[in-house]
C-alpha atoms as a PDB file:
ATOM      1  CA  UNK A   1     -18.489 -19.122 -25.519  1.00  0.00           C
ATOM      2  CA  UNK A   2     -19.299 -19.814 -29.272  1.00  0.00           C
ATOM      3  CA  UNK A   3     -23.040 -19.944 -30.275  1.00  0.00           C
ATOM      4  CA  UNK A   4     -22.804 -23.472 -30.987  1.00  0.00           C
ATOM      5  CA  UNK A   5     -21.873 -24.118 -27.417  1.00  0.00           C
ATOM      6  CA  UNK A   6     -24.469 -21.859 -26.103  1.00  0.00           C
ATOM      7  CA  UNK A   7     -26.797 -23.894 -28.298  1.00  0.00           C
ATOM      8  CA  UNK A   8     -25.750 -26.970 -27.084  1.00  0.00           C
ATOM      9  CA  UNK A   9     -25.960 -25.896 -23.186  1.00  0.00           C
ATOM     10  CA  UNK A  10     -29.363 -24.444 -24.159  1.00  0.00           C
ATOM     11  CA  UNK A  11     -30.865 -27.726 -24.817  1.00  0.00           C
ATOM     12  CA  UNK A  12     -29.044 -29.316 -22.085  1.00  0.00           C
ATOM     13  CA  UNK A  13     -30.862 -27.142 -19.935  1.00  0.00           C
ATOM     14  CA  UNK A  14     -34.046 -27.160 -21.723  1.00  0.00           C
ATOM     15  CA  UNK A  15     -34.428 -30.513 -21.495  1.00  0.00           C
ATOM     16  CA  UNK A  16     -32.801 -31.729 -18.158  1.00  0.00           C
ATOM     17  CA  UNK A  17     -34.799 -28.936 -16.392  1.00  0.00           C
ATOM     18  CA  UNK A  18     -38.163 -30.718 -16.941  1.00  0.00           C
ATOM     19  CA  UNK A  19     -37.151 -34.236 -17.115  1.00  0.00           C
ATOM     20  CA  UNK A  20     -36.508 -36.111 -14.348  1.00  0.00           C
ATOM     21  CA  UNK A  21     -32.952 -36.514 -14.936  1.00  0.00           C
ATOM     22  CA  UNK A  22     -31.108 -33.746 -13.201  1.00  0.00           C
ATOM     23  CA  UNK A  23     -30.067 -30.563 -14.706  1.00  0.00           C
ATOM     24  CA  UNK A  24     -27.272 -29.753 -12.226  1.00  0.00           C
ATOM     25  CA  UNK A  25     -25.599 -33.253 -12.836  1.00  0.00           C
ATOM     26  CA  UNK A  26     -25.396 -32.919 -16.747  1.00  0.00           C
ATOM     27  CA  UNK A  27     -23.915 -29.570 -16.657  1.00  0.00           C
ATOM     28  CA  UNK A  28     -21.550 -30.966 -14.494  1.00  0.00           C
ATOM     29  CA  UNK A  29     -20.747 -33.583 -16.420  1.00  0.00           C
ATOM     30  CA  UNK A  30     -20.574 -31.731 -19.485  1.00  0.00           C
ATOM     31  CA  UNK A  31     -18.151 -29.258 -18.197  1.00  0.00           C
ATOM     32  CA  UNK A  32     -15.978 -31.879 -16.613  1.00  0.00           C
ATOM     33  CA  UNK A  33     -15.910 -33.675 -19.802  1.00  0.00           C
ATOM     34  CA  UNK A  34     -15.783 -30.766 -22.542  1.00  0.00           C
ATOM     35  CA  UNK A  35     -13.606 -28.551 -20.392  1.00  0.00           C
ATOM     36  CA  UNK A  36     -16.316 -25.598 -21.120  1.00  0.00           C
ATOM     37  CA  UNK A  37     -14.766 -22.525 -18.664  1.00  0.00           C
ATOM     38  CA  UNK A  38     -15.647 -19.242 -19.189  1.00  0.00           C
ATOM     39  CA  UNK A  39     -15.355 -15.706 -17.421  1.00  0.00           C
ATOM     40  CA  UNK A  40     -17.304 -16.574 -14.279  1.00  0.00           C
ATOM     41  CA  UNK A  41     -19.100 -13.063 -15.128  1.00  0.00           C
ATOM     42  CA  UNK A  42     -20.140 -14.383 -18.207  1.00  0.00           C
ATOM     43  CA  UNK A  43     -20.850 -17.647 -16.681  1.00  0.00           C
ATOM     44  CA  UNK A  44     -23.283 -15.944 -14.836  1.00  0.00           C
ATOM     45  CA  UNK A  45     -24.925 -14.113 -17.135  1.00  0.00           C
ATOM     46  CA  UNK A  46     -25.336 -17.390 -19.307  1.00  0.00           C
ATOM     47  CA  UNK A  47     -27.260 -18.833 -16.443  1.00  0.00           C
ATOM     48  CA  UNK A  48     -29.526 -16.462 -16.306  1.00  0.00           C
ATOM     49  CA  UNK A  49     -30.306 -16.188 -19.662  1.00  0.00           C
ATOM     50  CA  UNK A  50     -31.410 -20.042 -19.735  1.00  0.00           C
ATOM     51  CA  UNK A  51     -33.248 -19.912 -16.565  1.00  0.00           C
ATOM     52  CA  UNK A  52     -35.089 -17.061 -18.119  1.00  0.00           C
ATOM     53  CA  UNK A  53     -35.791 -19.281 -20.942  1.00  0.00           C
ATOM     54  CA  UNK A  54     -36.618 -22.016 -19.286  1.00  0.00           C
ATOM     55  CA  UNK A  55     -39.044 -19.864 -17.020  1.00  0.00           C
ATOM     56  CA  UNK A  56     -40.578 -18.789 -20.281  1.00  0.00           C
ATOM     57  CA  UNK A  57     -41.189 -22.478 -21.042  1.00  0.00           C
ATOM     58  CA  UNK A  58     -43.024 -23.568 -18.463  1.00  0.00           C
ATOM     59  CA  UNK A  59     -45.381 -20.132 -18.260  1.00  0.00           C
ATOM     60  CA  UNK A  60     -46.180 -20.420 -21.795  1.00  0.00           C
ATOM     61  CA  UNK A  61     -47.053 -24.022 -21.541  1.00  0.00           C
ATOM     62  CA  UNK A  62     -49.117 -23.608 -18.416  1.00  0.00           C
ATOM     63  CA  UNK A  63     -50.649 -20.350 -19.391  1.00  0.00           C
ATOM     64  CA  UNK A  64     -54.449 -21.469 -18.585  1.00  0.00           C
ATOM     65  CA  UNK A  65     -53.278 -22.689 -15.037  1.00  0.00           C
ATOM     66  CA  UNK A  66     -51.314 -19.660 -14.708  1.00  0.00           C
ATOM     67  CA  UNK A  67     -53.893 -17.673 -15.065  1.00  0.00           C
ATOM     68  CA  UNK A  68     -56.342 -19.425 -13.205  1.00  0.00           C
ATOM     69  CA  UNK A  69     -54.040 -19.049 -10.411  1.00  0.00           C
ATOM     70  CA  UNK A  70     -53.239 -15.590 -10.769  1.00  0.00           C
ATOM     71  CA  UNK A  71     -57.179 -15.148 -10.512  1.00  0.00           C
ATOM     72  CA  UNK A  72     -57.333 -17.491  -7.394  1.00  0.00           C
ATOM     73  CA  UNK A  73     -54.763 -15.227  -5.380  1.00  0.00           C
ATOM     74  CA  UNK A  74     -56.426 -11.902  -6.425  1.00  0.00           C
ATOM     75  CA  UNK A  75     -60.005 -13.238  -5.018  1.00  0.00           C
ATOM     76  CA  UNK A  76     -61.043 -12.528  -1.907  1.00  0.00           C
ATOM     77  CA  UNK A  77     -61.173 -15.175   0.410  1.00  0.00           C
ATOM     78  CA  UNK A  78     -59.241 -17.844  -2.093  1.00  0.00           C
ATOM     79  CA  UNK A  79     -57.170 -19.112   0.403  1.00  0.00           C
ATOM     80  CA  UNK A  80     -59.890 -20.158   2.597  1.00  0.00           C
ATOM     81  CA  UNK A  81     -61.868 -21.855  -0.307  1.00  0.00           C
ATOM     82  CA  UNK A  82     -61.644 -25.517  -1.453  1.00  0.00           C
ATOM     83  CA  UNK A  83     -61.023 -27.961  -4.254  1.00  0.00           C
ATOM     84  CA  UNK A  84     -59.635 -26.258  -7.730  1.00  0.00           C
ATOM     85  CA  UNK A  85     -57.505 -23.596  -7.974  1.00  0.00           C
ATOM     86  CA  UNK A  86     -57.770 -22.412  -4.673  1.00  0.00           C
ATOM     87  CA  UNK A  87     -56.097 -25.398  -3.401  1.00  0.00           C
ATOM     88  CA  UNK A  88     -53.572 -25.805  -6.081  1.00  0.00           C
ATOM     89  CA  UNK A  89     -52.066 -22.352  -5.075  1.00  0.00           C
ATOM     90  CA  UNK A  90     -51.933 -22.900  -1.212  1.00  0.00           C
ATOM     91  CA  UNK A  91     -50.428 -26.197  -2.071  1.00  0.00           C
ATOM     92  CA  UNK A  92     -48.028 -24.301  -4.251  1.00  0.00           C
ATOM     93  CA  UNK A  93     -47.503 -21.555  -2.040  1.00  0.00           C
ATOM     94  CA  UNK A  94     -46.981 -23.806   1.034  1.00  0.00           C
ATOM     95  CA  UNK A  95     -44.495 -26.453  -1.075  1.00  0.00           C
ATOM     96  CA  UNK A  96     -42.499 -23.085  -2.265  1.00  0.00           C
ATOM     97  CA  UNK A  97     -41.296 -22.141   1.632  1.00  0.00           C
ATOM     98  CA  UNK A  98     -38.765 -25.016   2.050  1.00  0.00           C
ATOM     99  CA  UNK A  99     -36.736 -24.383  -0.818  1.00  0.00           C
ATOM    100  CA  UNK A 100     -36.713 -20.780   0.002  1.00  0.00           C
ATOM    101  CA  UNK A 101     -35.558 -21.498   3.234  1.00  0.00           C
ATOM    102  CA  UNK A 102     -33.188 -23.826   2.382  1.00  0.00           C
ATOM    103  CA  UNK A 103     -31.624 -22.065  -0.528  1.00  0.00           C
ATOM    104  CA  UNK A 104     -31.478 -18.582   1.778  1.00  0.00           C
ATOM    105  CA  UNK A 105     -29.762 -21.086   4.642  1.00  0.00           C
ATOM    106  CA  UNK A 106     -27.437 -23.203   2.594  1.00  0.00           C
ATOM    107  CA  UNK A 107     -27.375 -22.961  -1.072  1.00  0.00           C
ATOM    108  CA  UNK A 108     -23.509 -21.423  -0.866  1.00  0.00           C
ATOM    109  CA  UNK A 109     -22.624 -24.719   1.371  1.00  0.00           C
ATOM    110  CA  UNK A 110     -24.507 -26.646  -1.041  1.00  0.00           C
ATOM    111  CA  UNK A 111     -22.448 -25.216  -3.947  1.00  0.00           C
ATOM    112  CA  UNK A 112     -19.129 -25.429  -2.461  1.00  0.00           C
ATOM    113  CA  UNK A 113     -19.660 -28.764  -0.195  1.00  0.00           C
ATOM    114  CA  UNK A 114     -21.435 -30.958  -2.538  1.00  0.00           C
ATOM    115  CA  UNK A 115     -20.945 -29.875  -6.446  1.00  0.00           C
ATOM    116  CA  UNK A 116     -18.906 -32.596  -7.474  1.00  0.00           C
ATOM    117  CA  UNK A 117     -19.482 -35.958  -9.993  1.00  0.00           C
ATOM    118  CA  UNK A 118     -19.320 -38.569  -7.169  1.00  0.00           C
ATOM    119  CA  UNK A 119     -22.201 -36.303  -4.889  1.00  0.00           C
ATOM    120  CA  UNK A 120     -24.316 -36.370  -7.845  1.00  0.00           C
ATOM    121  CA  UNK A 121     -23.601 -39.669  -9.083  1.00  0.00           C
ATOM    122  CA  UNK A 122     -24.716 -41.013  -5.817  1.00  0.00           C
ATOM    123  CA  UNK A 123     -28.268 -38.603  -5.848  1.00  0.00           C
ATOM    124  CA  UNK A 124     -28.831 -40.034  -9.350  1.00  0.00           C
ATOM    125  CA  UNK A 125     -28.597 -43.881  -7.940  1.00  0.00           C
ATOM    126  CA  UNK A 126     -30.766 -43.072  -5.176  1.00  0.00           C
ATOM    127  CA  UNK A 127     -33.521 -41.203  -7.350  1.00  0.00           C
ATOM    128  CA  UNK A 128     -33.309 -43.943 -10.128  1.00  0.00           C
ATOM    129  CA  UNK A 129     -33.994 -46.378  -6.969  1.00  0.00           C
ATOM    130  CA  UNK A 130     -36.974 -44.424  -5.955  1.00  0.00           C
ATOM    131  CA  UNK A 131     -38.260 -44.129  -9.446  1.00  0.00           C
ATOM    132  CA  UNK A 132     -38.415 -47.840  -9.765  1.00  0.00           C
ATOM    133  CA  UNK A 133     -39.731 -48.224  -6.664  1.00  0.00           C
ATOM    134  CA  UNK A 134     -42.976 -45.818  -6.973  1.00  0.00           C
ATOM    135  CA  UNK A 135     -43.739 -47.374 -10.111  1.00  0.00           C
ATOM    136  CA  UNK A 136     -44.305 -50.945  -8.762  1.00  0.00           C
ATOM    137  CA  UNK A 137     -45.913 -49.617  -4.887  1.00  0.00           C
ATOM    138  CA  UNK A 138     -47.941 -46.204  -5.638  1.00  0.00           C
ATOM    139  CA  UNK A 139     -51.747 -46.650  -6.152  1.00  0.00           C
ATOM    140  CA  UNK A 140     -52.234 -43.326  -7.777  1.00  0.00           C
ATOM    141  CA  UNK A 141     -55.795 -41.927  -8.802  1.00  0.00           C
ATOM    142  CA  UNK A 142     -55.131 -38.556  -7.077  1.00  0.00           C
ATOM    143  CA  UNK A 143     -55.061 -35.140  -8.459  1.00  0.00           C
ATOM    144  CA  UNK A 144     -53.243 -32.159  -7.654  1.00  0.00           C
ATOM    145  CA  UNK A 145     -55.862 -30.393  -6.750  1.00  0.00           C
ATOM    146  CA  UNK A 146     -56.172 -32.960  -4.002  1.00  0.00           C
ATOM    147  CA  UNK A 147     -52.530 -31.756  -2.208  1.00  0.00           C
ATOM    148  CA  UNK A 148     -53.033 -31.035   1.358  1.00  0.00           C
ATOM    149  CA  UNK A 149     -51.202 -28.579   3.218  1.00  0.00           C
ATOM    150  CA  UNK A 150     -49.110 -31.011   4.918  1.00  0.00           C
ATOM    151  CA  UNK A 151     -48.356 -32.875   1.719  1.00  0.00           C
ATOM    152  CA  UNK A 152     -47.695 -29.709   0.023  1.00  0.00           C
ATOM    153  CA  UNK A 153     -44.924 -29.262   2.964  1.00  0.00           C
ATOM    154  CA  UNK A 154     -43.662 -32.570   2.223  1.00  0.00           C
ATOM    155  CA  UNK A 155     -43.248 -32.028  -1.839  1.00  0.00           C
ATOM    156  CA  UNK A 156     -41.912 -28.868  -0.868  1.00  0.00           C
ATOM    157  CA  UNK A 157     -39.265 -30.757   1.145  1.00  0.00           C
ATOM    158  CA  UNK A 158     -38.398 -32.678  -2.066  1.00  0.00           C
ATOM    159  CA  UNK A 159     -38.269 -29.939  -4.075  1.00  0.00           C
ATOM    160  CA  UNK A 160     -35.540 -28.286  -1.569  1.00  0.00           C
ATOM    161  CA  UNK A 161     -33.637 -31.459  -1.845  1.00  0.00           C
ATOM    162  CA  UNK A 162     -33.142 -31.071  -5.345  1.00  0.00           C
ATOM    163  CA  UNK A 163     -30.601 -28.215  -4.376  1.00  0.00           C
ATOM    164  CA  UNK A 164     -28.091 -31.272  -3.984  1.00  0.00           C
ATOM    165  CA  UNK A 165     -26.747 -32.125  -7.905  1.00  0.00           C
ATOM    166  CA  UNK A 166     -28.146 -35.146  -9.218  1.00  0.00           C
ATOM    167  CA  UNK A 167     -31.262 -35.015  -7.565  1.00  0.00           C
ATOM    168  CA  UNK A 168     -33.554 -33.324  -9.979  1.00  0.00           C
ATOM    169  CA  UNK A 169     -36.358 -31.209  -8.832  1.00  0.00           C
ATOM    170  CA  UNK A 170     -39.075 -32.245 -11.113  1.00  0.00           C
ATOM    171  CA  UNK A 171     -38.022 -35.932 -10.428  1.00  0.00           C
ATOM    172  CA  UNK A 172     -38.085 -35.448  -6.631  1.00  0.00           C
ATOM    173  CA  UNK A 173     -41.280 -33.983  -6.340  1.00  0.00           C
ATOM    174  CA  UNK A 174     -43.191 -36.262  -8.981  1.00  0.00           C
ATOM    175  CA  UNK A 175     -41.423 -39.155  -7.550  1.00  0.00           C
ATOM    176  CA  UNK A 176     -42.789 -38.133  -3.988  1.00  0.00           C
ATOM    177  CA  UNK A 177     -46.332 -36.691  -5.552  1.00  0.00           C
ATOM    178  CA  UNK A 178     -46.917 -40.450  -6.790  1.00  0.00           C
ATOM    179  CA  UNK A 179     -45.729 -41.658  -3.389  1.00  0.00           C
ATOM    180  CA  UNK A 180     -48.185 -39.635  -1.778  1.00  0.00           C
ATOM    181  CA  UNK A 181     -51.198 -41.246  -4.040  1.00  0.00           C
ATOM    182  CA  UNK A 182     -51.162 -38.473  -6.806  1.00  0.00           C
ATOM    183  CA  UNK A 183     -51.283 -40.493 -10.564  1.00  0.00           C
ATOM    184  CA  UNK A 184     -48.037 -40.230 -13.078  1.00  0.00           C
ATOM    185  CA  UNK A 185     -49.399 -37.363 -15.257  1.00  0.00           C
ATOM    186  CA  UNK A 186     -50.932 -35.104 -12.717  1.00  0.00           C
ATOM    187  CA  UNK A 187     -47.481 -35.854 -10.104  1.00  0.00           C
ATOM    188  CA  UNK A 188     -45.408 -34.645 -13.223  1.00  0.00           C
ATOM    189  CA  UNK A 189     -48.177 -31.332 -13.417  1.00  0.00           C
ATOM    190  CA  UNK A 190     -47.679 -30.308 -10.321  1.00  0.00           C
ATOM    191  CA  UNK A 191     -43.833 -30.779  -9.939  1.00  0.00           C
ATOM    192  CA  UNK A 192     -43.882 -28.404 -13.188  1.00  0.00           C
ATOM    193  CA  UNK A 193     -46.242 -25.796 -11.518  1.00  0.00           C
ATOM    194  CA  UNK A 194     -44.434 -26.047  -8.165  1.00  0.00           C
ATOM    195  CA  UNK A 195     -41.137 -25.620 -10.025  1.00  0.00           C
ATOM    196  CA  UNK A 196     -41.974 -22.040 -10.938  1.00  0.00           C
ATOM    197  CA  UNK A 197     -41.336 -19.898  -7.935  1.00  0.00           C
ATOM    198  CA  UNK A 198     -38.051 -21.865  -7.599  1.00  0.00           C
ATOM    199  CA  UNK A 199     -37.138 -21.284 -11.294  1.00  0.00           C
ATOM    200  CA  UNK A 200     -37.947 -17.640 -11.000  1.00  0.00           C
ATOM    201  CA  UNK A 201     -36.045 -17.342  -7.244  1.00  0.00           C
ATOM    202  CA  UNK A 202     -33.121 -18.894  -9.043  1.00  0.00           C
ATOM    203  CA  UNK A 203     -32.985 -16.448 -11.969  1.00  0.00           C
ATOM    204  CA  UNK A 204     -33.784 -13.444  -9.460  1.00  0.00           C
ATOM    205  CA  UNK A 205     -30.897 -14.441  -7.385  1.00  0.00           C
ATOM    206  CA  UNK A 206     -28.670 -15.110 -10.324  1.00  0.00           C
ATOM    207  CA  UNK A 207     -29.638 -11.822 -11.627  1.00  0.00           C
ATOM    208  CA  UNK A 208     -28.671  -9.979  -8.503  1.00  0.00           C
ATOM    209  CA  UNK A 209     -25.227 -11.468  -8.068  1.00  0.00           C
ATOM    210  CA  UNK A 210     -24.845 -10.739 -11.827  1.00  0.00           C
ATOM    211  CA  UNK A 211     -25.863  -6.829 -11.111  1.00  0.00           C
ATOM    212  CA  UNK A 212     -22.962  -6.655  -8.174  1.00  0.00           C
ATOM    213  CA  UNK A 213     -20.623  -8.166 -10.719  1.00  0.00           C
ATOM    214  CA  UNK A 214     -21.298  -6.225 -13.542  1.00  0.00           C
ATOM    215  CA  UNK A 215     -22.773  -7.445 -16.887  1.00  0.00           C
ATOM    216  CA  UNK A 216     -19.064  -9.028 -18.933  1.00  0.00           C
ATOM    217  CA  UNK A 217     -18.333  -7.478 -22.394  1.00  0.00           C
ATOM    218  CA  UNK A 218     -19.633  -9.042 -25.238  1.00  0.00           C
ATOM    219  CA  UNK A 219     -21.336 -12.219 -25.040  1.00  0.00           C
ATOM    220  CA  UNK A 220     -25.143 -10.863 -25.762  1.00  0.00           C
ATOM    221  CA  UNK A 221     -25.571 -13.322 -29.217  1.00  0.00           C
ATOM    222  CA  UNK A 222     -24.260 -16.526 -26.856  1.00  0.00           C
ATOM    223  CA  UNK A 223     -26.668 -15.224 -24.434  1.00  0.00           C
ATOM    224  CA  UNK A 224     -29.743 -14.514 -26.828  1.00  0.00           C
ATOM    225  CA  UNK A 225     -28.951 -18.146 -28.144  1.00  0.00           C
ATOM    226  CA  UNK A 226     -28.958 -19.831 -24.825  1.00  0.00           C
ATOM    227  CA  UNK A 227     -32.493 -17.823 -23.878  1.00  0.00           C
ATOM    228  CA  UNK A 228     -34.143 -19.025 -27.337  1.00  0.00           C
ATOM    229  CA  UNK A 229     -32.784 -22.464 -27.464  1.00  0.00           C
ATOM    230  CA  UNK A 230     -33.711 -23.714 -23.839  1.00  0.00           C
ATOM    231  CA  UNK A 231     -36.993 -21.740 -23.943  1.00  0.00           C
ATOM    232  CA  UNK A 232     -37.966 -23.623 -27.276  1.00  0.00           C
ATOM    233  CA  UNK A 233     -36.542 -27.478 -26.466  1.00  0.00           C
ATOM    234  CA  UNK A 234     -37.911 -26.416 -22.873  1.00  0.00           C
ATOM    235  CA  UNK A 235     -41.443 -25.923 -24.228  1.00  0.00           C
ATOM    236  CA  UNK A 236     -41.296 -29.525 -26.071  1.00  0.00           C
ATOM    237  CA  UNK A 237     -39.904 -30.882 -23.217  1.00  0.00           C
ATOM    238  CA  UNK A 238     -42.800 -30.244 -21.116  1.00  0.00           C
ATOM    239  CA  UNK A 239     -45.441 -31.068 -23.454  1.00  0.00           C
ATOM    240  CA  UNK A 240     -43.780 -34.525 -24.607  1.00  0.00           C
ATOM    241  CA  UNK A 241     -43.030 -35.551 -21.171  1.00  0.00           C
ATOM    242  CA  UNK A 242     -46.643 -34.998 -20.002  1.00  0.00           C
ATOM    243  CA  UNK A 243     -47.781 -37.021 -23.016  1.00  0.00           C
ATOM    244  CA  UNK A 244     -45.694 -39.667 -22.194  1.00  0.00           C
ATOM    245  CA  UNK A 245     -46.656 -40.188 -18.449  1.00  0.00           C
ATOM    246  CA  UNK A 246     -50.091 -40.505 -19.108  1.00  0.00           C
ATOM    247  CA  UNK A 247     -49.319 -44.204 -20.779  1.00  0.00           C
ATOM    248  CA  UNK A 248     -45.621 -45.289 -19.589  1.00  0.00           C
ATOM    249  CA  UNK A 249     -43.557 -45.699 -16.514  1.00  0.00           C
ATOM    250  CA  UNK A 250     -40.437 -43.662 -15.171  1.00  0.00           C
ATOM    251  CA  UNK A 251     -38.237 -46.651 -15.487  1.00  0.00           C
ATOM    252  CA  UNK A 252     -36.465 -45.766 -19.011  1.00  0.00           C
ATOM    253  CA  UNK A 253     -35.483 -42.521 -17.353  1.00  0.00           C
ATOM    254  CA  UNK A 254     -34.614 -44.474 -13.885  1.00  0.00           C
ATOM    255  CA  UNK A 255     -32.260 -46.887 -16.036  1.00  0.00           C
ATOM    256  CA  UNK A 256     -30.710 -43.465 -17.552  1.00  0.00           C
ATOM    257  CA  UNK A 257     -29.801 -42.284 -14.459  1.00  0.00           C
ATOM    258  CA  UNK A 258     -28.187 -45.270 -13.500  1.00  0.00           C
ATOM    259  CA  UNK A 259     -26.036 -45.360 -16.314  1.00  0.00           C
ATOM    260  CA  UNK A 260     -25.106 -41.780 -16.230  1.00  0.00           C
ATOM    261  CA  UNK A 261     -24.123 -42.297 -12.567  1.00  0.00           C
ATOM    262  CA  UNK A 262     -22.355 -45.033 -13.596  1.00  0.00           C
ATOM    263  CA  UNK A 263     -19.995 -42.538 -16.136  1.00  0.00           C
ATOM    264  CA  UNK A 264     -20.100 -39.938 -13.641  1.00  0.00           C
ATOM    265  CA  UNK A 265     -18.473 -42.281 -11.121  1.00  0.00           C
ATOM    266  CA  UNK A 266     -15.852 -43.299 -13.238  1.00  0.00           C
ATOM    267  CA  UNK A 267     -14.860 -39.862 -14.667  1.00  0.00           C
ATOM    268  CA  UNK A 268     -14.736 -38.398 -11.022  1.00  0.00           C
ATOM    269  CA  UNK A 269     -12.722 -41.524  -9.909  1.00  0.00           C
ATOM    270  CA  UNK A 270     -10.352 -41.517 -13.131  1.00  0.00           C
END
């Protein structure tokens, strides 16, 4: 992998990890169109690098929130408190359980059976329809600190569904949170915060696999490029997406998903 390819994949990962357009679908299409094939061990090492990059992006952007959550986790009686960081911490903890269960029990099956262009295209289209619908029926007004335990489970199930290529982790949580009455910006913030344990777990899983396979020779420069680019682009994606959703709808992302789904379907069939 050249430095240019590493930079392009870093941009792709940094953007699509946080925008509601599915990173897995874009990576599938990019590899299909451009024929990017690498040593499996290097591919695994690069995945670890870009996951660490996007993790660095979200931790840096939400550093104040993360610090408050850590303090809440360490404070006595936090899990019984109501409101503020305590409620948000419980929601994130509960919401992480479904993706952990599905990831441990079905991630390999999903990767082998569902990681194809046709499935990703269908998931993109369904997600687009959900975005268009929620913009027209959701009331909004609630904040992420209002999420109940039951709602956290539902949001966690939405995140778990995003293991299917084309769904989009941030998009699924964002849409379901809006259906539950959260305002668009609050829903987006919660989607990003809920994603922190999932991104960390994905990176740890890949790092464990890499430790079994062994580090590939060379490629350090490409991995460094992928890490830096995905971190910088991811940070900017979070920053400007949160600004965007304060005043604007998700419709452009829905239409983009439909166009991408059409392109992937054509590519998969022909």
